[in-house]
Amino acid sequence: MGWDSDTVCGHGFRATARTMLHEILQFSPDAIEAQLGHRVPDRLGAAYNRTKHLEERRRMMQAWADYLGGIKESNAGLL
């Protein structure tokens, strides 16, 4: 993208995605956290199951791709 490590960091992209997936695309925080690889504590403690929220996560990733594609298209003349 042309940015250096003084301008952005991976965690900043994660935070942006987390916010946009929840506030703009209206996905559940549990599915977002499961997809982004952070542990989601359950009543049993530290157990983590990567198959949780799998269908919602599939829909979320397609919505995310469509959302980013729309941003790219709307800014095509600016890049």
PDB file of N, CA and C in Angstrom:
ATOM      1  N   MET A   1       0.809  -1.194   0.000  1.00  0.00           N
ATOM      2  CA  MET A   1       0.000   0.000   0.000  1.00  0.00           C
ATOM      3  C   MET A   1       0.855   1.262   0.000  1.00  0.00           C
ATOM      4  N   GLY A   2       2.122   1.105   0.255  1.00  0.00           N
ATOM      5  CA  GLY A   2       2.997   2.254   0.210  1.00  0.00           C
ATOM      6  C   GLY A   2       3.198   2.954   1.544  1.00  0.00           C
ATOM      7  N   TRP A   3       2.659   2.403   2.614  1.00  0.00           N
ATOM      8  CA  TRP A   3       2.845   3.013   3.921  1.00  0.00           C
ATOM      9  C   TRP A   3       3.999   2.351   4.635  1.00  0.00           C
ATOM     10  N   ASP A   4       4.718   3.138   5.421  1.00  0.00           N
ATOM     11  CA  ASP A   4       5.817   2.549   6.196  1.00  0.00           C
ATOM     12  C   ASP A   4       5.354   2.279   7.631  1.00  0.00           C
ATOM     13  N   SER A   5       6.211   1.635   8.406  1.00  0.00           N
ATOM     14  CA  SER A   5       5.830   1.234   9.763  1.00  0.00           C
ATOM     15  C   SER A   5       5.696   2.417  10.727  1.00  0.00           C
ATOM     16  N   ASP A   6       6.127   3.591  10.318  1.00  0.00           N
ATOM     17  CA  ASP A   6       5.913   4.776  11.149  1.00  0.00           C
ATOM     18  C   ASP A   6       4.511   5.362  10.939  1.00  0.00           C
ATOM     19  N   THR A   7       3.877   4.964   9.840  1.00  0.00           N
ATOM     20  CA  THR A   7       2.558   5.489   9.502  1.00  0.00           C
ATOM     21  C   THR A   7       1.437   4.604  10.031  1.00  0.00           C
ATOM     22  N   VAL A   8       1.572   3.301   9.865  1.00  0.00           N
ATOM     23  CA  VAL A   8       0.540   2.350  10.295  1.00  0.00           C
ATOM     24  C   VAL A   8       1.190   1.104  10.881  1.00  0.00           C
ATOM     25  N   CYS A   9       0.380   0.334  11.586  1.00  0.00           N
ATOM     26  CA  CYS A   9       0.866  -0.950  12.114  1.00  0.00           C
ATOM     27  C   CYS A   9      -0.237  -1.991  11.960  1.00  0.00           C
ATOM     28  N   GLY A  10       0.141  -3.251  12.028  1.00  0.00           N
ATOM     29  CA  GLY A  10      -0.826  -4.336  11.885  1.00  0.00           C
ATOM     30  C   GLY A  10      -1.957  -4.248  12.890  1.00  0.00           C
ATOM     31  N   HIS A  11      -1.633  -3.883  14.123  1.00  0.00           N
ATOM     32  CA  HIS A  11      -2.671  -3.799  15.144  1.00  0.00           C
ATOM     33  C   HIS A  11      -3.661  -2.678  14.818  1.00  0.00           C
ATOM     34  N   GLY A  12      -3.189  -1.618  14.183  1.00  0.00           N
ATOM     35  CA  GLY A  12      -4.079  -0.542  13.775  1.00  0.00           C
ATOM     36  C   GLY A  12      -5.075  -1.012  12.732  1.00  0.00           C
ATOM     37  N   PHE A  13      -4.617  -1.844  11.785  1.00  0.00           N
ATOM     38  CA  PHE A  13      -5.526  -2.411  10.789  1.00  0.00           C
ATOM     39  C   PHE A  13      -6.542  -3.321  11.459  1.00  0.00           C
ATOM     40  N   ARG A  14      -6.093  -4.094  12.451  1.00  0.00           N
ATOM     41  CA  ARG A  14      -6.995  -4.987  13.165  1.00  0.00           C
ATOM     42  C   ARG A  14      -8.077  -4.185  13.881  1.00  0.00           C
ATOM     43  N   ALA A  15      -7.668  -3.123  14.557  1.00  0.00           N
ATOM     44  CA  ALA A  15      -8.621  -2.285  15.289  1.00  0.00           C
ATOM     45  C   ALA A  15      -9.625  -1.642  14.340  1.00  0.00           C
ATOM     46  N   THR A  16      -9.153  -1.186  13.193  1.00  0.00           N
ATOM     47  CA  THR A  16     -10.046  -0.579  12.207  1.00  0.00           C
ATOM     48  C   THR A  16     -11.046  -1.602  11.688  1.00  0.00           C
ATOM     49  N   ALA A  17     -10.553  -2.786  11.338  1.00  0.00           N
ATOM     50  CA  ALA A  17     -11.447  -3.843  10.847  1.00  0.00           C
ATOM     51  C   ALA A  17     -12.471  -4.207  11.909  1.00  0.00           C
ATOM     52  N   ARG A  18     -12.027  -4.356  13.142  1.00  0.00           N
ATOM     53  CA  ARG A  18     -12.920  -4.730  14.252  1.00  0.00           C
ATOM     54  C   ARG A  18     -14.047  -3.720  14.394  1.00  0.00           C
ATOM     55  N   THR A  19     -13.698  -2.448  14.349  1.00  0.00           N
ATOM     56  CA  THR A  19     -14.691  -1.384  14.491  1.00  0.00           C
ATOM     57  C   THR A  19     -15.662  -1.372  13.317  1.00  0.00           C
ATOM     58  N   MET A  20     -15.139  -1.444  12.110  1.00  0.00           N
ATOM     59  CA  MET A  20     -15.990  -1.361  10.926  1.00  0.00           C
ATOM     60  C   MET A  20     -16.900  -2.588  10.788  1.00  0.00           C
ATOM     61  N   LEU A  21     -16.372  -3.767  11.091  1.00  0.00           N
ATOM     62  CA  LEU A  21     -17.190  -4.974  11.012  1.00  0.00           C
ATOM     63  C   LEU A  21     -18.375  -4.904  11.973  1.00  0.00           C
ATOM     64  N   HIS A  22     -18.150  -4.321  13.129  1.00  0.00           N
ATOM     65  CA  HIS A  22     -19.241  -4.241  14.111  1.00  0.00           C
ATOM     66  C   HIS A  22     -20.162  -3.052  13.845  1.00  0.00           C
ATOM     67  N   GLU A  23     -19.597  -1.862  13.736  1.00  0.00           N
ATOM     68  CA  GLU A  23     -20.418  -0.662  13.677  1.00  0.00           C
ATOM     69  C   GLU A  23     -21.026  -0.387  12.305  1.00  0.00           C
ATOM     70  N   ILE A  24     -20.324  -0.736  11.236  1.00  0.00           N
ATOM     71  CA  ILE A  24     -20.841  -0.453   9.899  1.00  0.00           C
ATOM     72  C   ILE A  24     -21.553  -1.667   9.308  1.00  0.00           C
ATOM     73  N   LEU A  25     -20.910  -2.837   9.399  1.00  0.00           N
ATOM     74  CA  LEU A  25     -21.470  -4.041   8.782  1.00  0.00           C
ATOM     75  C   LEU A  25     -22.340  -4.848   9.733  1.00  0.00           C
ATOM     76  N   GLN A  26     -22.401  -4.455  11.007  1.00  0.00           N
ATOM     77  CA  GLN A  26     -23.331  -5.006  11.994  1.00  0.00           C
ATOM     78  C   GLN A  26     -23.136  -6.495  12.318  1.00  0.00           C
ATOM     79  N   PHE A  27     -21.878  -6.963  12.353  1.00  0.00           N
ATOM     80  CA  PHE A  27     -21.613  -8.344  12.749  1.00  0.00           C
ATOM     81  C   PHE A  27     -21.393  -8.406  14.253  1.00  0.00           C
ATOM     82  N   SER A  28     -21.638  -9.586  14.814  1.00  0.00           N
ATOM     83  CA  SER A  28     -21.545  -9.745  16.268  1.00  0.00           C
ATOM     84  C   SER A  28     -20.088  -9.704  16.728  1.00  0.00           C
ATOM     85  N   PRO A  29     -19.844  -9.101  17.868  1.00  0.00           N
ATOM     86  CA  PRO A  29     -18.482  -9.059  18.413  1.00  0.00           C
ATOM     87  C   PRO A  29     -17.878 -10.458  18.607  1.00  0.00           C
ATOM     88  N   ASP A  30     -18.700 -11.443  18.985  1.00  0.00           N
ATOM     89  CA  ASP A  30     -18.177 -12.796  19.177  1.00  0.00           C
ATOM     90  C   ASP A  30     -17.635 -13.378  17.874  1.00  0.00           C
ATOM     91  N   ALA A  31     -18.375 -13.197  16.783  1.00  0.00           N
ATOM     92  CA  ALA A  31     -17.917 -13.712  15.486  1.00  0.00           C
ATOM     93  C   ALA A  31     -16.677 -12.950  15.018  1.00  0.00           C
ATOM     94  N   ILE A  32     -16.653 -11.659  15.236  1.00  0.00           N
ATOM     95  CA  ILE A  32     -15.499 -10.848  14.829  1.00  0.00           C
ATOM     96  C   ILE A  32     -14.251 -11.298  15.576  1.00  0.00           C
ATOM     97  N   GLU A  33     -14.357 -11.428  16.876  1.00  0.00           N
ATOM     98  CA  GLU A  33     -13.201 -11.837  17.674  1.00  0.00           C
ATOM     99  C   GLU A  33     -12.754 -13.250  17.310  1.00  0.00           C
ATOM    100  N   ALA A  34     -13.698 -14.135  17.027  1.00  0.00           N
ATOM    101  CA  ALA A  34     -13.337 -15.492  16.609  1.00  0.00           C
ATOM    102  C   ALA A  34     -12.557 -15.445  15.300  1.00  0.00           C
ATOM    103  N   GLN A  35     -12.991 -14.602  14.365  1.00  0.00           N
ATOM    104  CA  GLN A  35     -12.326 -14.502  13.067  1.00  0.00           C
ATOM    105  C   GLN A  35     -10.953 -13.850  13.185  1.00  0.00           C
ATOM    106  N   LEU A  36     -10.843 -12.858  14.023  1.00  0.00           N
ATOM    107  CA  LEU A  36      -9.578 -12.138  14.149  1.00  0.00           C
ATOM    108  C   LEU A  36      -8.569 -12.855  15.037  1.00  0.00           C
ATOM    109  N   GLY A  37      -8.940 -14.013  15.549  1.00  0.00           N
ATOM    110  CA  GLY A  37      -7.993 -14.854  16.256  1.00  0.00           C
ATOM    111  C   GLY A  37      -7.799 -14.555  17.722  1.00  0.00           C
ATOM    112  N   HIS A  38      -8.601 -13.677  18.282  1.00  0.00           N
ATOM    113  CA  HIS A  38      -8.482 -13.425  19.707  1.00  0.00           C
ATOM    114  C   HIS A  38      -9.324 -14.424  20.467  1.00  0.00           C
ATOM    115  N   ARG A  39      -8.854 -14.764  21.624  1.00  0.00           N
ATOM    116  CA  ARG A  39      -9.564 -15.748  22.436  1.00  0.00           C
ATOM    117  C   ARG A  39     -10.893 -15.187  22.906  1.00  0.00           C
ATOM    118  N   VAL A  40     -11.899 -16.013  22.825  1.00  0.00           N
ATOM    119  CA  VAL A  40     -13.213 -15.643  23.311  1.00  0.00           C
ATOM    120  C   VAL A  40     -13.512 -16.541  24.502  1.00  0.00           C
ATOM    121  N   PRO A  41     -13.435 -15.988  25.716  1.00  0.00           N
ATOM    122  CA  PRO A  41     -13.649 -16.841  26.887  1.00  0.00           C
ATOM    123  C   PRO A  41     -15.086 -17.348  26.934  1.00  0.00           C
ATOM    124  N   ASP A  42     -15.240 -18.576  27.332  1.00  0.00           N
ATOM    125  CA  ASP A  42     -16.578 -19.112  27.533  1.00  0.00           C
ATOM    126  C   ASP A  42     -16.718 -19.497  28.995  1.00  0.00           C
ATOM    127  N   ARG A  43     -17.843 -20.049  29.352  1.00  0.00           N
ATOM    128  CA  ARG A  43     -18.074 -20.353  30.767  1.00  0.00           C
ATOM    129  C   ARG A  43     -17.127 -21.408  31.304  1.00  0.00           C
ATOM    130  N   LEU A  44     -16.451 -22.126  30.427  1.00  0.00           N
ATOM    131  CA  LEU A  44     -15.493 -23.134  30.868  1.00  0.00           C
ATOM    132  C   LEU A  44     -14.089 -22.572  31.021  1.00  0.00           C
ATOM    133  N   GLY A  45     -13.910 -21.313  30.687  1.00  0.00           N
ATOM    134  CA  GLY A  45     -12.600 -20.707  30.861  1.00  0.00           C
ATOM    135  C   GLY A  45     -11.922 -20.405  29.544  1.00  0.00           C
ATOM    136  N   ALA A  46     -10.721 -20.926  29.361  1.00  0.00           N
ATOM    137  CA  ALA A  46      -9.881 -20.532  28.228  1.00  0.00           C
ATOM    138  C   ALA A  46     -10.089 -21.377  26.981  1.00  0.00           C
ATOM    139  N   ALA A  47     -11.089 -22.242  26.944  1.00  0.00           N
ATOM    140  CA  ALA A  47     -11.323 -23.072  25.751  1.00  0.00           C
ATOM    141  C   ALA A  47     -11.609 -22.178  24.545  1.00  0.00           C
ATOM    142  N   TYR A  48     -11.054 -22.539  23.423  1.00  0.00           N
ATOM    143  CA  TYR A  48     -11.248 -21.763  22.201  1.00  0.00           C
ATOM    144  C   TYR A  48     -11.502 -22.715  21.052  1.00  0.00           C
ATOM    145  N   ASN A  49     -12.588 -22.496  20.345  1.00  0.00           N
ATOM    146  CA  ASN A  49     -12.986 -23.388  19.269  1.00  0.00           C
ATOM    147  C   ASN A  49     -13.106 -22.576  17.989  1.00  0.00           C
ATOM    148  N   ARG A  50     -12.241 -22.838  17.023  1.00  0.00           N
ATOM    149  CA  ARG A  50     -12.237 -22.052  15.778  1.00  0.00           C
ATOM    150  C   ARG A  50     -13.448 -22.316  14.893  1.00  0.00           C
ATOM    151  N   THR A  51     -14.277 -23.272  15.244  1.00  0.00           N
ATOM    152  CA  THR A  51     -15.467 -23.521  14.436  1.00  0.00           C
ATOM    153  C   THR A  51     -16.671 -22.733  14.931  1.00  0.00           C
ATOM    154  N   LYS A  52     -16.531 -22.017  16.028  1.00  0.00           N
ATOM    155  CA  LYS A  52     -17.649 -21.222  16.523  1.00  0.00           C
ATOM    156  C   LYS A  52     -17.978 -20.102  15.543  1.00  0.00           C
ATOM    157  N   HIS A  53     -19.255 -19.889  15.358  1.00  0.00           N
ATOM    158  CA  HIS A  53     -19.748 -18.787  14.517  1.00  0.00           C
ATOM    159  C   HIS A  53     -19.299 -18.941  13.060  1.00  0.00           C
ATOM    160  N   LEU A  54     -19.053 -20.161  12.611  1.00  0.00           N
ATOM    161  CA  LEU A  54     -18.448 -20.372  11.300  1.00  0.00           C
ATOM    162  C   LEU A  54     -19.290 -19.798  10.159  1.00  0.00           C
ATOM    163  N   GLU A  55     -20.597 -20.027  10.151  1.00  0.00           N
ATOM    164  CA  GLU A  55     -21.436 -19.508   9.067  1.00  0.00           C
ATOM    165  C   GLU A  55     -21.468 -17.978   9.077  1.00  0.00           C
ATOM    166  N   GLU A  56     -21.599 -17.386  10.248  1.00  0.00           N
ATOM    167  CA  GLU A  56     -21.582 -15.922  10.326  1.00  0.00           C
ATOM    168  C   GLU A  56     -20.228 -15.388   9.881  1.00  0.00           C
ATOM    169  N   ARG A  57     -19.159 -16.075  10.229  1.00  0.00           N
ATOM    170  CA  ARG A  57     -17.820 -15.642   9.828  1.00  0.00           C
ATOM    171  C   ARG A  57     -17.652 -15.705   8.319  1.00  0.00           C
ATOM    172  N   ARG A  58     -18.223 -16.701   7.666  1.00  0.00           N
ATOM    173  CA  ARG A  58     -18.176 -16.763   6.193  1.00  0.00           C
ATOM    174  C   ARG A  58     -18.900 -15.562   5.583  1.00  0.00           C
ATOM    175  N   ARG A  59     -20.102 -15.295   6.082  1.00  0.00           N
ATOM    176  CA  ARG A  59     -20.858 -14.138   5.578  1.00  0.00           C
ATOM    177  C   ARG A  59     -20.108 -12.835   5.845  1.00  0.00           C
ATOM    178  N   MET A  60     -19.495 -12.757   7.026  1.00  0.00           N
ATOM    179  CA  MET A  60     -18.763 -11.559   7.417  1.00  0.00           C
ATOM    180  C   MET A  60     -17.576 -11.315   6.490  1.00  0.00           C
ATOM    181  N   MET A  61     -16.818 -12.342   6.171  1.00  0.00           N
ATOM    182  CA  MET A  61     -15.644 -12.168   5.314  1.00  0.00           C
ATOM    183  C   MET A  61     -16.040 -11.770   3.899  1.00  0.00           C
ATOM    184  N   GLN A  62     -17.176 -12.294   3.403  1.00  0.00           N
ATOM    185  CA  GLN A  62     -17.647 -11.873   2.083  1.00  0.00           C
ATOM    186  C   GLN A  62     -18.112 -10.428   2.129  1.00  0.00           C
ATOM    187  N   ALA A  63     -18.829 -10.063   3.188  1.00  0.00           N
ATOM    188  CA  ALA A  63     -19.277  -8.675   3.337  1.00  0.00           C
ATOM    189  C   ALA A  63     -18.088  -7.734   3.440  1.00  0.00           C
ATOM    190  N   TRP A  64     -17.043  -8.151   4.156  1.00  0.00           N
ATOM    191  CA  TRP A  64     -15.825  -7.341   4.309  1.00  0.00           C
ATOM    192  C   TRP A  64     -15.155  -7.140   2.947  1.00  0.00           C
ATOM    193  N   ALA A  65     -15.042  -8.221   2.175  1.00  0.00           N
ATOM    194  CA  ALA A  65     -14.437  -8.123   0.841  1.00  0.00           C
ATOM    195  C   ALA A  65     -15.262  -7.197  -0.048  1.00  0.00           C
ATOM    196  N   ASP A  66     -16.580  -7.333   0.002  1.00  0.00           N
ATOM    197  CA  ASP A  66     -17.453  -6.470  -0.805  1.00  0.00           C
ATOM    198  C   ASP A  66     -17.334  -5.007  -0.363  1.00  0.00           C
ATOM    199  N   TYR A  67     -17.251  -4.795   0.941  1.00  0.00           N
ATOM    200  CA  TYR A  67     -17.121  -3.439   1.488  1.00  0.00           C
ATOM    201  C   TYR A  67     -15.816  -2.796   1.020  1.00  0.00           C
ATOM    202  N   LEU A  68     -14.710  -3.519   1.147  1.00  0.00           N
ATOM    203  CA  LEU A  68     -13.418  -2.983   0.714  1.00  0.00           C
ATOM    204  C   LEU A  68     -13.390  -2.770  -0.794  1.00  0.00           C
ATOM    205  N   GLY A  69     -13.999  -3.698  -1.540  1.00  0.00           N
ATOM    206  CA  GLY A  69     -14.076  -3.532  -2.995  1.00  0.00           C
ATOM    207  C   GLY A  69     -14.845  -2.278  -3.372  1.00  0.00           C
ATOM    208  N   GLY A  70     -15.918  -1.998  -2.638  1.00  0.00           N
ATOM    209  CA  GLY A  70     -16.695  -0.783  -2.891  1.00  0.00           C
ATOM    210  C   GLY A  70     -15.892   0.471  -2.609  1.00  0.00           C
ATOM    211  N   ILE A  71     -15.107   0.449  -1.538  1.00  0.00           N
ATOM    212  CA  ILE A  71     -14.246   1.596  -1.227  1.00  0.00           C
ATOM    213  C   ILE A  71     -13.219   1.784  -2.338  1.00  0.00           C
ATOM    214  N   LYS A  72     -12.617   0.698  -2.783  1.00  0.00           N
ATOM    215  CA  LYS A  72     -11.613   0.775  -3.845  1.00  0.00           C
ATOM    216  C   LYS A  72     -12.222   1.357  -5.117  1.00  0.00           C
ATOM    217  N   GLU A  73     -13.413   0.879  -5.484  1.00  0.00           N
ATOM    218  CA  GLU A  73     -14.081   1.379  -6.696  1.00  0.00           C
ATOM    219  C   GLU A  73     -14.439   2.854  -6.580  1.00  0.00           C
ATOM    220  N   SER A  74     -14.928   3.263  -5.411  1.00  0.00           N
ATOM    221  CA  SER A  74     -15.335   4.660  -5.248  1.00  0.00           C
ATOM    222  C   SER A  74     -14.147   5.617  -5.230  1.00  0.00           C
ATOM    223  N   ASN A  75     -12.958   5.082  -4.906  1.00  0.00           N
ATOM    224  CA  ASN A  75     -11.749   5.909  -4.858  1.00  0.00           C
ATOM    225  C   ASN A  75     -10.837   5.680  -6.054  1.00  0.00           C
ATOM    226  N   ALA A  76     -11.293   4.943  -7.052  1.00  0.00           N
ATOM    227  CA  ALA A  76     -10.450   4.565  -8.182  1.00  0.00           C
ATOM    228  C   ALA A  76      -9.806   5.771  -8.856  1.00  0.00           C
ATOM    229  N   GLY A  77     -10.529   6.834  -8.990  1.00  0.00           N
ATOM    230  CA  GLY A  77      -9.981   8.012  -9.639  1.00  0.00           C
ATOM    231  C   GLY A  77      -9.007   8.790  -8.764  1.00  0.00           C
ATOM    232  N   LEU A  78      -8.999   8.487  -7.477  1.00  0.00           N
ATOM    233  CA  LEU A  78      -8.153   9.221  -6.537  1.00  0.00           C
ATOM    234  C   LEU A  78      -6.801   8.565  -6.349  1.00  0.00           C
ATOM    235  N   LEU A  79      -6.679   7.285  -6.725  1.00  0.00           N
ATOM    236  CA  LEU A  79      -5.453   6.553  -6.461  1.00  0.00           C
ATOM    237  C   LEU A  79      -4.405   6.754  -7.519  1.00  0.00           C
TER     238      LEU A  79
END
